[in-house]
Amino acid sequence: EDAALEAYNGLWDKYGKDGLYASRALFNSARLYEAKGQMDLAIATYEQLLGEFQDMGSEYAKLAKSRIAQLN
């Protein structure tokens, strides 16, 4: 879990919004935070994903919106 989380966060840190898998990396990071019981970080990461990718019609942004609703 921790290694995967580090890898996904590293992708975001290195490439930001322009990375090929940026929205997927954020979504997977949020899911890993959920799995670790870190709901505040999960929700914050989902909200970041929404803020960055919602206007682009990203499927991961739609999934993030759904996860936020379920976690709140």
C-alpha atoms as a PDB file:
ATOM      1  CA  GLU A   1       0.000   0.000   0.000  1.00  0.00           C
ATOM      2  CA  ASP A   2       2.586   2.526   1.064  1.00  0.00           C
ATOM      3  CA  ALA A   3       4.817   1.858  -1.935  1.00  0.00           C
ATOM      4  CA  ALA A   4       1.891   2.228  -4.320  1.00  0.00           C
ATOM      5  CA  LEU A   5       0.777   5.415  -2.599  1.00  0.00           C
ATOM      6  CA  GLU A   6       4.290   6.800  -2.860  1.00  0.00           C
ATOM      7  CA  ALA A   7       4.402   5.927  -6.568  1.00  0.00           C
ATOM      8  CA  TYR A   8       1.045   7.568  -7.347  1.00  0.00           C
ATOM      9  CA  ASN A   9       1.897  10.674  -5.349  1.00  0.00           C
ATOM     10  CA  GLY A  10       5.288  10.762  -7.059  1.00  0.00           C
ATOM     11  CA  LEU A  11       3.620  10.749 -10.484  1.00  0.00           C
ATOM     12  CA  TRP A  12       1.463  13.692  -9.469  1.00  0.00           C
ATOM     13  CA  ASP A  13       4.398  15.571  -7.944  1.00  0.00           C
ATOM     14  CA  LYS A  14       6.547  15.041 -11.022  1.00  0.00           C
ATOM     15  CA  TYR A  15       4.028  15.619 -13.823  1.00  0.00           C
ATOM     16  CA  GLY A  16       1.068  17.372 -12.204  1.00  0.00           C
ATOM     17  CA  LYS A  17      -2.099  17.808 -14.200  1.00  0.00           C
ATOM     18  CA  ASP A  18      -0.273  17.259 -17.491  1.00  0.00           C
ATOM     19  CA  GLY A  19       0.742  13.694 -16.689  1.00  0.00           C
ATOM     20  CA  LEU A  20      -0.748  10.996 -18.857  1.00  0.00           C
ATOM     21  CA  TYR A  21      -2.199   9.176 -15.862  1.00  0.00           C
ATOM     22  CA  ALA A  22      -2.642  12.161 -13.538  1.00  0.00           C
ATOM     23  CA  SER A  23      -6.341  11.723 -12.817  1.00  0.00           C
ATOM     24  CA  ARG A  24      -5.904   7.973 -12.337  1.00  0.00           C
ATOM     25  CA  ALA A  25      -2.962   8.558  -9.995  1.00  0.00           C
ATOM     26  CA  LEU A  26      -5.002  10.924  -7.831  1.00  0.00           C
ATOM     27  CA  PHE A  27      -7.976   8.559  -7.783  1.00  0.00           C
ATOM     28  CA  ASN A  28      -5.841   5.578  -6.825  1.00  0.00           C
ATOM     29  CA  SER A  29      -4.096   7.603  -4.122  1.00  0.00           C
ATOM     30  CA  ALA A  30      -7.466   8.498  -2.652  1.00  0.00           C
ATOM     31  CA  ARG A  31      -8.578   4.857  -2.721  1.00  0.00           C
ATOM     32  CA  LEU A  32      -5.407   3.840  -0.905  1.00  0.00           C
ATOM     33  CA  TYR A  33      -5.998   6.506   1.725  1.00  0.00           C
ATOM     34  CA  GLU A  34      -9.483   5.042   2.162  1.00  0.00           C
ATOM     35  CA  ALA A  35      -8.040   1.551   2.575  1.00  0.00           C
ATOM     36  CA  LYS A  36      -5.707   2.876   5.263  1.00  0.00           C
ATOM     37  CA  GLY A  37      -8.616   4.511   7.093  1.00  0.00           C
ATOM     38  CA  GLN A  38      -7.353   8.035   6.358  1.00  0.00           C
ATOM     39  CA  MET A  39     -10.708   9.398   5.248  1.00  0.00           C
ATOM     40  CA  ASP A  40      -9.761  13.075   5.547  1.00  0.00           C
ATOM     41  CA  LEU A  41      -6.859  12.571   3.140  1.00  0.00           C
ATOM     42  CA  ALA A  42      -9.030  10.457   0.845  1.00  0.00           C
ATOM     43  CA  ILE A  43     -11.713  13.131   0.617  1.00  0.00           C
ATOM     44  CA  ALA A  44      -9.129  15.898   0.157  1.00  0.00           C
ATOM     45  CA  THR A  45      -7.526  13.950  -2.689  1.00  0.00           C
ATOM     46  CA  TYR A  46     -10.899  13.289  -4.343  1.00  0.00           C
ATOM     47  CA  GLU A  47     -11.689  17.005  -4.041  1.00  0.00           C
ATOM     48  CA  GLN A  48      -8.327  17.868  -5.604  1.00  0.00           C
ATOM     49  CA  LEU A  49      -9.100  15.499  -8.478  1.00  0.00           C
ATOM     50  CA  LEU A  50     -12.486  17.158  -8.973  1.00  0.00           C
ATOM     51  CA  GLY A  51     -10.939  20.613  -8.934  1.00  0.00           C
ATOM     52  CA  GLU A  52      -8.316  19.691 -11.501  1.00  0.00           C
ATOM     53  CA  PHE A  53     -10.273  17.463 -13.883  1.00  0.00           C
ATOM     54  CA  GLN A  54     -14.028  18.006 -13.562  1.00  0.00           C
ATOM     55  CA  ASP A  55     -14.138  20.533 -16.400  1.00  0.00           C
ATOM     56  CA  MET A  56     -12.417  18.025 -18.668  1.00  0.00           C
ATOM     57  CA  GLY A  57     -15.208  15.453 -18.313  1.00  0.00           C
ATOM     58  CA  SER A  58     -12.819  13.014 -16.661  1.00  0.00           C
ATOM     59  CA  GLU A  59     -14.296   9.648 -15.733  1.00  0.00           C
ATOM     60  CA  TYR A  60     -12.080   9.660 -12.650  1.00  0.00           C
ATOM     61  CA  ALA A  61     -13.557  13.023 -11.628  1.00  0.00           C
ATOM     62  CA  LYS A  62     -17.035  11.495 -11.885  1.00  0.00           C
ATOM     63  CA  LEU A  63     -15.926   8.560  -9.766  1.00  0.00           C
ATOM     64  CA  ALA A  64     -14.341  10.936  -7.250  1.00  0.00           C
ATOM     65  CA  LYS A  65     -17.597  12.863  -6.920  1.00  0.00           C
ATOM     66  CA  SER A  66     -19.401   9.607  -6.218  1.00  0.00           C
ATOM     67  CA  ARG A  67     -16.835   8.556  -3.606  1.00  0.00           C
ATOM     68  CA  ILE A  68     -17.079  11.927  -1.828  1.00  0.00           C
ATOM     69  CA  ALA A  69     -20.844  11.538  -1.603  1.00  0.00           C
ATOM     70  CA  GLN A  70     -20.463   8.042  -0.164  1.00  0.00           C
ATOM     71  CA  LEU A  71     -17.851   9.070   2.388  1.00  0.00           C
ATOM     72  CA  ASN A  72     -19.654  12.167   3.680  1.00  0.00           C
END
